[in-house]
Protein backbone atom coordinates (compact mmCIF):
# COMPACT_ATOMS: atom_id res chain seq x y z
CA MET A 1 0.00 0.00 0.00
CA ARG A 2 2.86 2.32 0.89
CA PHE A 3 4.57 1.49 -2.40
CA LEU A 4 1.41 2.35 -4.34
CA ARG A 5 1.08 5.69 -2.51
CA GLN A 6 4.68 6.53 -3.38
CA VAL A 7 4.13 5.64 -7.02
CA LEU A 8 1.05 7.89 -7.15
CA GLU A 9 3.03 10.62 -5.43
CA SER A 10 5.77 10.24 -8.06
CA PHE A 11 3.15 10.60 -10.77
CA ARG A 12 1.82 13.78 -9.09
CA PHE A 13 5.33 15.29 -8.95
CA ALA A 14 5.83 14.48 -12.64
CA TRP A 15 2.52 16.12 -13.59
CA GLN A 16 3.33 19.28 -11.59
CA ALA A 17 6.75 19.50 -13.23
CA LEU A 18 5.23 19.34 -16.71
CA ARG A 19 2.57 21.95 -15.87
CA SER A 20 5.13 24.36 -14.45
CA ASN A 21 7.11 24.37 -17.74
CA LEU A 22 4.40 24.40 -20.41
CA LEU A 23 6.47 26.04 -23.17
CA ARG A 24 9.38 23.67 -22.69
CA THR A 25 6.98 20.71 -22.48
CA THR A 26 5.23 21.71 -25.71
CA LEU A 27 8.46 22.14 -27.67
CA SER A 28 9.91 18.85 -26.46
CA LEU A 29 6.87 16.75 -27.47
CA LEU A 30 6.66 18.11 -31.04
CA GLY A 31 9.11 15.51 -32.38
CA VAL A 32 7.10 12.65 -30.88
CA THR A 33 3.86 14.18 -32.18
CA VAL A 34 5.17 14.39 -35.75
CA GLY A 35 6.65 10.89 -35.59
CA ILE A 36 3.51 9.21 -34.23
CA PHE A 37 1.40 11.15 -36.72
CA ALA A 38 3.55 9.94 -39.65
CA ILE A 39 3.49 6.30 -38.56
CA ILE A 40 -0.19 6.07 -37.61
CA ALA A 41 -1.29 8.09 -40.66
CA VAL A 42 0.50 5.65 -43.00
CA PHE A 43 -0.90 2.63 -41.13
CA THR A 44 -4.40 4.10 -41.25
CA LEU A 45 -4.09 4.81 -44.98
CA VAL A 46 -2.81 1.28 -45.71
CA ASP A 47 -5.54 -0.36 -43.58
CA SER A 48 -8.23 1.71 -45.28
CA LEU A 49 -6.93 0.86 -48.76
CA GLU A 50 -6.81 -2.85 -47.94
CA ARG A 51 -10.35 -2.74 -46.51
CA ASN A 52 -11.57 -0.99 -49.66
CA ILE A 53 -9.98 -3.62 -51.89
CA LYS A 54 -11.38 -6.50 -49.81
CA ASP A 55 -14.84 -4.94 -50.09
CA SER A 56 -14.39 -4.79 -53.86
CA LEU A 57 -13.27 -8.42 -53.95
CA SER A 58 -16.38 -9.48 -52.05
CA PHE A 59 -18.44 -8.60 -55.14
CA ILE A 60 -16.52 -11.04 -57.34
CA GLY A 61 -16.49 -13.85 -54.82
CA ASP A 62 -13.91 -16.02 -53.14
CA LYS A 63 -11.96 -18.93 -54.68
CA VAL A 64 -12.67 -17.77 -58.23
CA VAL A 65 -10.41 -18.01 -61.29
CA TYR A 66 -10.91 -16.40 -64.70
CA VAL A 67 -10.02 -18.08 -68.00
CA GLN A 68 -9.00 -15.31 -70.41
CA LYS A 69 -6.74 -14.52 -73.33
CA TRP A 70 -4.59 -11.95 -71.55
CA PRO A 71 -2.82 -12.65 -68.23
CA TRP A 72 -2.86 -10.21 -65.33
CA SER A 73 0.89 -9.97 -65.02
CA PHE A 74 2.25 -7.97 -62.09
CA GLU A 75 5.96 -8.75 -62.33
CA GLY A 76 8.54 -9.27 -65.05
CA GLU A 77 8.25 -8.41 -68.73
CA TYR A 78 4.75 -8.39 -70.20
CA GLN A 79 5.10 -10.37 -73.47
CA TRP A 80 2.09 -8.85 -75.22
CA TRP A 81 3.28 -9.98 -78.67
CA LYS A 82 3.09 -13.58 -77.44
CA TYR A 83 -0.32 -13.20 -75.83
CA PHE A 84 -1.72 -11.36 -78.86
CA GLN A 85 -1.63 -14.56 -80.95
CA ARG A 86 -3.74 -16.53 -78.50
CA PRO A 87 -7.36 -17.42 -79.39
CA GLU A 88 -10.17 -15.79 -77.44
CA PRO A 89 -12.16 -17.99 -75.02
CA SER A 90 -15.45 -18.98 -76.63
CA PHE A 91 -18.94 -19.92 -75.50
CA LYS A 92 -18.35 -23.45 -76.82
CA GLU A 93 -15.33 -23.75 -74.52
CA TYR A 94 -17.49 -22.57 -71.63
CA LYS A 95 -20.01 -25.33 -72.40
CA PHE A 96 -17.17 -27.85 -72.71
CA LEU A 97 -15.72 -26.91 -69.31
CA ALA A 98 -19.17 -26.82 -67.71
CA ASP A 99 -19.74 -30.43 -68.85
CA LYS A 100 -16.28 -31.77 -67.98
CA LEU A 101 -15.05 -29.98 -64.83
CA GLU A 102 -15.33 -31.99 -61.63
CA ASN A 103 -13.57 -29.58 -59.23
CA ALA A 104 -15.84 -26.58 -59.87
CA GLN A 105 -18.78 -25.38 -57.79
CA ALA A 106 -19.97 -23.05 -60.50
CA ILE A 107 -18.92 -21.84 -63.94
CA VAL A 108 -20.07 -18.72 -65.75
CA ALA A 109 -19.66 -17.20 -69.21
CA MET A 110 -19.89 -13.43 -69.28
CA ASP A 111 -19.08 -10.39 -71.34
CA PHE A 112 -19.25 -6.62 -70.88
CA LYS A 113 -20.11 -3.58 -72.92
CA GLY A 114 -19.45 -0.14 -71.48
CA ARG A 115 -20.97 3.28 -72.14
CA ILE A 116 -24.28 1.95 -73.44
CA THR A 117 -27.30 4.25 -73.25
CA VAL A 118 -30.17 2.98 -71.12
CA LYS A 119 -33.45 4.89 -71.24
CA HIS A 120 -36.89 5.12 -69.68
CA ASN A 121 -39.23 7.81 -71.06
CA ASN A 122 -37.21 11.04 -70.90
CA ASN A 123 -34.62 9.74 -68.45
CA SER A 124 -31.37 8.23 -69.71
CA MET A 125 -27.79 7.49 -68.62
CA MET A 126 -24.65 5.65 -69.67
CA SER A 127 -24.49 2.16 -68.21
CA LEU A 128 -22.26 -0.90 -68.12
CA ILE A 129 -24.09 -3.88 -69.64
CA GLN A 130 -23.05 -7.36 -68.54
CA GLY A 131 -24.33 -10.54 -70.12
CA THR A 132 -24.02 -13.61 -67.93
CA THR A 133 -25.14 -17.19 -67.50
CA PHE A 134 -27.23 -18.59 -64.66
CA GLU A 135 -24.64 -19.33 -61.96
CA TYR A 136 -23.29 -15.78 -61.79
CA ASN A 137 -24.75 -15.28 -58.29
CA LYS A 138 -22.59 -18.20 -57.10
CA ILE A 139 -19.47 -16.57 -58.51
CA SER A 140 -20.14 -12.99 -57.49
CA GLU A 141 -22.25 -11.27 -54.89
CA VAL A 142 -25.55 -10.09 -56.37
CA ALA A 143 -27.23 -8.27 -53.51
CA VAL A 144 -30.80 -7.82 -54.75
CA ALA A 145 -32.56 -5.11 -52.72
CA SER A 146 -35.93 -5.54 -54.44
CA GLY A 147 -37.20 -8.07 -56.94
CA ARG A 148 -35.38 -11.34 -57.64
CA TYR A 149 -32.55 -13.07 -59.47
CA PHE A 150 -32.81 -14.74 -62.91
CA THR A 151 -34.50 -18.09 -63.37
CA GLN A 152 -32.82 -20.86 -65.35
CA GLN A 153 -35.52 -20.62 -68.01
CA GLU A 154 -34.94 -16.86 -68.51
CA ILE A 155 -31.25 -17.55 -69.12
CA ASP A 156 -31.86 -20.55 -71.38
CA VAL A 157 -34.31 -18.75 -73.70
CA ALA A 158 -32.37 -15.45 -73.59
CA ARG A 159 -35.36 -13.49 -72.32
CA ASN A 160 -35.07 -9.68 -72.27
CA VAL A 161 -34.98 -9.24 -68.51
CA ALA A 162 -32.50 -7.26 -66.39
CA ILE A 163 -31.23 -6.73 -62.88
CA ILE A 164 -30.19 -3.09 -62.64
CA GLY A 165 -27.86 -1.21 -60.31
CA ALA A 166 -28.99 1.32 -57.72
CA ASP A 167 -27.78 4.34 -59.71
CA VAL A 168 -29.60 3.11 -62.82
CA ALA A 169 -32.81 2.77 -60.80
CA GLU A 170 -32.42 6.26 -59.29
CA ASN A 171 -31.75 7.91 -62.65
CA LEU A 172 -34.35 6.14 -64.77
CA PHE A 173 -37.08 5.74 -62.14
CA PRO A 174 -36.55 8.64 -59.68
CA ALA A 175 -40.05 8.52 -58.16
CA GLU A 176 -41.29 4.97 -58.72
CA GLU A 177 -40.51 1.32 -58.07
CA PRO A 178 -38.55 -0.05 -61.07
CA VAL A 179 -39.33 -3.76 -60.63
CA GLY A 180 -41.77 -4.90 -63.30
CA LYS A 181 -41.21 -1.77 -65.40
CA SER A 182 -39.76 -1.71 -68.91
CA PHE A 183 -36.72 0.26 -70.10
CA LYS A 184 -34.51 0.32 -73.19
CA ILE A 185 -30.94 -0.94 -73.55
CA ASN A 186 -29.40 0.23 -76.80
CA GLY A 187 -32.93 0.72 -78.14
CA MET A 188 -34.26 -2.72 -77.13
CA ASN A 189 -36.96 -3.22 -74.48
CA PHE A 190 -36.03 -5.06 -71.27
CA THR A 191 -38.17 -5.83 -68.22
CA ILE A 192 -36.64 -5.14 -64.80
CA ILE A 193 -36.85 -8.14 -62.46
CA GLY A 194 -34.51 -6.87 -59.73
CA VAL A 195 -32.59 -3.90 -58.33
CA GLN A 196 -29.24 -4.37 -56.60
CA GLU A 197 -28.36 -2.78 -53.27
CA LYS A 198 -26.34 0.40 -53.51
CA LYS A 199 -22.65 -0.30 -53.11
CA GLY A 200 -21.28 3.22 -53.33
CA GLU A 201 -17.98 4.34 -54.79
CA SER A 202 -15.02 2.03 -54.41
CA LEU A 203 -11.32 2.54 -55.02
CA VAL A 204 -11.14 -0.68 -57.04
CA ASN A 205 -14.07 -2.24 -58.87
CA PHE A 206 -13.25 -5.62 -60.36
CA GLY A 207 -15.86 -6.28 -63.01
CA GLY A 208 -17.27 -2.76 -62.88
CA ASN A 209 -19.31 -0.74 -60.42
CA PRO A 210 -22.55 -2.65 -59.63
CA ASP A 211 -24.40 0.64 -59.11
CA ILE A 212 -24.24 1.55 -62.83
CA LYS A 213 -24.46 -2.00 -64.16
CA CYS A 214 -27.30 -3.82 -65.91
CA LEU A 215 -27.14 -7.61 -65.69
CA ILE A 216 -28.89 -9.42 -68.51
CA PRO A 217 -28.92 -13.04 -69.80
CA TYR A 218 -25.86 -13.88 -71.90
CA GLY A 219 -28.02 -14.89 -74.88
CA ALA A 220 -29.76 -11.50 -74.94
CA PHE A 221 -26.38 -9.76 -74.65
CA SER A 222 -24.95 -11.85 -77.49
CA LYS A 223 -27.84 -10.97 -79.84
CA MET A 224 -27.25 -7.25 -79.26
CA PHE A 225 -23.47 -6.94 -79.23
CA HIS A 226 -21.63 -10.01 -80.49
CA SER A 227 -20.15 -10.38 -83.92
CA ILE A 228 -19.43 -13.65 -85.75
CA ASN A 229 -16.54 -14.63 -83.42
CA PRO A 230 -17.54 -13.47 -79.96
CA SER A 231 -15.12 -13.57 -77.05
CA ILE A 232 -16.05 -14.08 -73.44
CA ASP A 233 -14.62 -14.34 -69.95
CA ILE A 234 -15.07 -17.65 -68.19
CA ALA A 235 -15.26 -17.45 -64.39
CA ILE A 236 -14.97 -20.66 -62.36
CA LYS A 237 -15.49 -21.09 -58.62
CA GLY A 238 -13.62 -23.85 -56.81
CA TYR A 239 -14.43 -25.81 -53.66
CA ASP A 240 -13.35 -24.63 -50.20
CA ASP A 241 -11.31 -27.76 -49.55
CA ASP A 242 -9.22 -27.19 -52.71
CA GLU A 243 -6.27 -25.41 -51.08
CA GLY A 244 -4.95 -22.74 -53.43
CA LEU A 245 -7.34 -24.03 -56.14
CA LEU A 246 -4.47 -26.20 -57.37
CA GLU A 247 -6.73 -29.12 -58.36
CA LEU A 248 -9.15 -26.83 -60.21
CA GLU A 249 -6.38 -25.00 -62.05
CA SER A 250 -4.70 -28.27 -63.04
CA GLU A 251 -7.99 -29.67 -64.35
CA ILE A 252 -8.74 -26.50 -66.35
CA LYS A 253 -5.29 -26.59 -67.95
CA GLY A 254 -5.59 -30.25 -68.88
CA LEU A 255 -9.04 -29.88 -70.43
CA LEU A 256 -8.32 -26.67 -72.36
CA ARG A 257 -4.94 -27.85 -73.66
CA THR A 258 -6.60 -31.03 -74.93
CA ARG A 259 -9.50 -29.17 -76.58
CA ARG A 260 -7.22 -26.59 -78.21
CA GLY A 261 -4.73 -29.23 -79.35
CA VAL A 262 -1.76 -27.75 -77.48
CA ARG A 263 1.26 -30.03 -77.70
CA PRO A 264 3.13 -31.12 -74.53
CA THR A 265 6.17 -29.02 -75.48
CA GLN A 266 4.11 -25.88 -76.11
CA ASP A 267 3.10 -23.23 -73.56
CA ASP A 268 -0.51 -22.63 -72.59
CA ASN A 269 -2.36 -20.43 -75.09
CA PHE A 270 -4.72 -19.12 -72.41
CA ALA A 271 -4.40 -17.39 -69.03
CA ILE A 272 -5.86 -18.43 -65.70
CA ASN A 273 -6.18 -15.22 -63.67
CA ARG A 274 -6.99 -14.75 -60.00
CA PRO A 275 -8.42 -11.51 -58.58
CA GLU A 276 -6.49 -11.99 -55.32
CA ALA A 277 -3.28 -11.74 -57.36
CA ALA A 278 -4.15 -8.11 -58.06
CA ALA A 279 -4.78 -7.55 -54.36
CA GLN A 280 -1.44 -9.14 -53.50
CA ALA A 281 0.35 -6.91 -55.99
CA ILE A 282 -1.26 -3.85 -54.44
CA SER A 283 -0.39 -5.19 -50.96
CA GLY A 284 3.26 -5.12 -52.05
CA ILE A 285 2.91 -1.39 -52.66
CA PHE A 286 1.27 -1.05 -49.24
CA ALA A 287 4.27 -2.78 -47.65
CA VAL A 288 6.60 -0.19 -49.19
CA LEU A 289 4.38 2.62 -47.91
CA THR A 290 4.41 1.07 -44.43
CA VAL A 291 8.21 0.90 -44.39
CA ALA A 292 8.38 4.51 -45.60
CA GLY A 293 6.06 5.55 -42.78
CA TRP A 294 8.23 3.81 -40.20
CA VAL A 295 11.41 5.43 -41.60
CA ILE A 296 9.97 8.96 -41.74
CA GLY A 297 8.22 8.61 -38.40
CA GLY A 298 11.25 6.89 -36.86
CA PHE A 299 13.53 9.85 -37.58
CA SER A 300 10.99 12.25 -36.09
CA ILE A 301 10.54 10.06 -33.01
CA LEU A 302 14.31 9.72 -32.62
CA ILE A 303 14.66 13.49 -32.61
CA GLY A 304 11.75 13.75 -30.20
CA GLY A 305 13.31 11.10 -27.93
CA PHE A 306 16.59 13.02 -27.76
CA GLY A 307 14.61 16.18 -27.03
CA ILE A 308 12.78 14.50 -24.15
CA ALA A 309 16.05 13.05 -22.77
CA ASN A 310 17.65 16.50 -22.91
CA ILE A 311 14.70 18.06 -21.10
CA MET A 312 14.87 15.37 -18.42
CA PHE A 313 18.57 16.01 -17.79
CA VAL A 314 17.75 19.72 -17.43
CA SER A 315 14.91 18.84 -15.01
CA VAL A 316 17.26 16.71 -12.89
CA LYS A 317 19.76 19.57 -12.77
CA GLU A 318 17.07 22.11 -11.80
CA ARG A 319 15.62 19.90 -9.07
CA THR A 320 18.80 18.48 -7.61
CA ASN A 321 18.27 20.40 -4.36
CA ILE A 322 14.69 19.13 -4.05
CA ILE A 323 15.87 15.56 -4.72
CA GLY A 324 18.38 15.91 -1.87
CA ILE A 325 15.66 17.12 0.51
CA GLN A 326 13.33 14.26 -0.52
CA LYS A 327 16.04 11.64 0.03
CA SER A 328 17.04 13.12 3.38
CA LEU A 329 13.40 12.81 4.48
CA GLY A 330 13.43 9.10 3.64
CA ALA A 331 12.45 8.94 -0.04
CA LYS A 332 13.63 5.72 -1.64
CA ASN A 333 15.65 5.58 -4.84
CA TYR A 334 12.73 4.05 -6.76
CA PHE A 335 10.54 7.00 -5.67
CA ILE A 336 12.96 9.44 -7.32
CA LEU A 337 13.40 7.16 -10.35
CA PHE A 338 9.64 6.79 -10.89
CA GLN A 339 9.18 10.52 -10.52
CA PHE A 340 11.41 11.33 -13.50
CA LEU A 341 10.53 8.22 -15.50
CA PHE A 342 6.81 9.02 -15.22
CA GLU A 343 7.54 12.55 -16.33
CA ALA A 344 9.32 11.32 -19.48
CA VAL A 345 6.63 8.73 -20.29
CA LEU A 346 3.82 11.21 -19.66
CA LEU A 347 5.54 13.76 -21.88
CA SER A 348 5.92 11.20 -24.67
CA LEU A 349 2.33 9.97 -24.29
CA VAL A 350 0.98 13.51 -24.60
CA GLY A 351 2.96 13.86 -27.84
CA GLY A 352 1.64 10.51 -29.06
CA LEU A 353 -1.96 11.45 -28.22
CA ALA A 354 -1.53 14.71 -30.12
CA GLY A 355 -0.27 12.79 -33.18
CA ILE A 356 -3.19 10.33 -32.97
CA ALA A 357 -5.61 13.25 -32.64
CA LEU A 358 -4.21 14.74 -35.86
CA VAL A 359 -4.75 11.41 -37.65
CA TYR A 360 -8.31 11.29 -36.30
CA LEU A 361 -8.97 14.76 -37.74
CA LEU A 362 -7.41 13.61 -41.02
CA SER A 363 -9.92 10.75 -41.19
CA PHE A 364 -12.71 13.31 -41.73
CA MET A 365 -11.13 14.51 -44.99
CA GLN A 366 -12.78 13.47 -48.25
CA LEU A 367 -10.33 11.41 -50.35
CA GLY A 368 -12.62 10.50 -53.22
CA SER A 369 -14.01 7.01 -52.75
CA LEU A 370 -11.52 6.17 -49.98
CA GLU A 371 -12.79 6.41 -46.40
CA LEU A 372 -10.11 6.59 -43.71
CA HIS A 373 -10.77 4.67 -40.47
CA LEU A 374 -8.56 5.08 -37.40
CA THR A 375 -8.68 1.63 -35.80
CA ALA A 376 -8.25 0.73 -32.14
CA GLY A 377 -5.19 -1.33 -33.10
CA ASN A 378 -3.45 1.70 -34.59
CA ILE A 379 -4.33 3.81 -31.53
CA ILE A 380 -2.83 1.17 -29.24
CA LEU A 381 0.24 0.97 -31.50
CA GLY A 382 0.72 4.75 -31.30
CA LEU A 383 0.39 4.81 -27.52
CA GLY A 384 2.69 1.79 -27.20
CA VAL A 385 5.43 3.38 -29.33
CA SER A 386 5.06 6.63 -27.36
CA SER A 387 5.42 4.79 -24.04
CA VAL A 388 8.54 2.94 -25.21
CA ILE A 389 10.13 6.20 -26.43
CA GLY A 390 9.31 7.84 -23.08
CA ILE A 391 10.91 4.98 -21.12
CA LEU A 392 14.04 4.93 -23.30
CA SER A 393 14.37 8.72 -23.17
CA GLY A 394 13.84 9.01 -19.42
CA ILE A 395 15.56 5.93 -18.00
CA ILE A 396 19.12 7.36 -17.92
CA PRO A 397 18.16 10.78 -16.44
CA ALA A 398 15.92 9.00 -13.90
CA PHE A 399 18.73 6.64 -12.84
CA SER A 400 21.14 9.56 -12.48
CA ALA A 401 18.62 11.39 -10.27
CA ALA A 402 17.94 8.29 -8.13
CA ARG A 403 21.67 7.73 -7.49
CA LEU A 404 22.39 11.29 -6.24
CA ASP A 405 23.95 11.55 -2.82
CA PRO A 406 21.45 13.44 -0.57
CA VAL A 407 24.15 15.52 1.19
CA ILE A 408 25.74 16.66 -2.08
CA ALA A 409 22.33 17.20 -3.67
CA ILE A 410 21.07 19.46 -0.86
CA ARG A 411 24.17 21.64 -1.17
CA ALA A 412 23.74 21.98 -4.94
CA LYS A 413 22.77 25.37 -6.28
């Protein structure tokens, strides 16, 4: 109990010392404030970017691969001249894979057409039109707010029905319920069977922003937009127990190489792309940003730590006489040590809190589609780094104060 009272008394002395020298205290914590701000700001930015990308990926599903002509290459030389000669994936190949694949939960053929005018009465807008087959809702998230998803029959007979995005509904039907109504895509009538939930702006939209998209059966899309040799994307979802989708990828390669007559000595003439590969490539950039934040913030914190240590040595010098009186009255060494150590830690924590407060204010800024979120983990990290800097900066001055001889200290001027 006595020890606890002395610790609290040490904390009170430290607080009084900081209050009595406000200007010096403010100047000495600036380095820590800037350093913590730099580190936590970078961490907050990286966390927010990763969250945004994960939200985007949720709309294209998990454990999905895409069979396409062009690879999504994120390292090395992009051999476009080699990929250019490859054949485009076809609807017949989609049917072939759908019949033969054993390691797939779902398989979808789809194609896109951007900047297509959609119209209802006098209202119109540019939309992204996507034609797809029936299992698209197993591959990608289709969050229908009102209405329903396609039926197998609607897909099979290529009926002119559509599931529209929230922005399309707001622009074409500003004061009425769109479901059941008719609208025009590229001059052709389509009946709305569903409206997707509003997703909002996103930093990355794989497959296009659902808010401005119109989903229609692939057959209806093909009749409107495809030429004699149409090309498509084939999306395939694997099973959860297929670690890394290795079995699925191996099966796809074997089947497609056989169908296309690729010899054993020849390279694949198709690409199997994974959306998470794009996320991993972007994560590599995030890692560089994180290191940069630590370096920039580290220099600032180092300068702040030296500033705090210097202030603590000055404080010990100024209060040498008081230390001597305290020790002559029975104060233990740890009481003196805690007094100065608490002062250094408290000073550093105030600087850290100021840096975190600046990041919190930064999170209210509008950065386009990116929303910044200051997480509890980053707050704890900032306070933890501040505490460590305070301990390291104050430990030597505190030890020197605790080891003063009371007789010599009382006589100091």
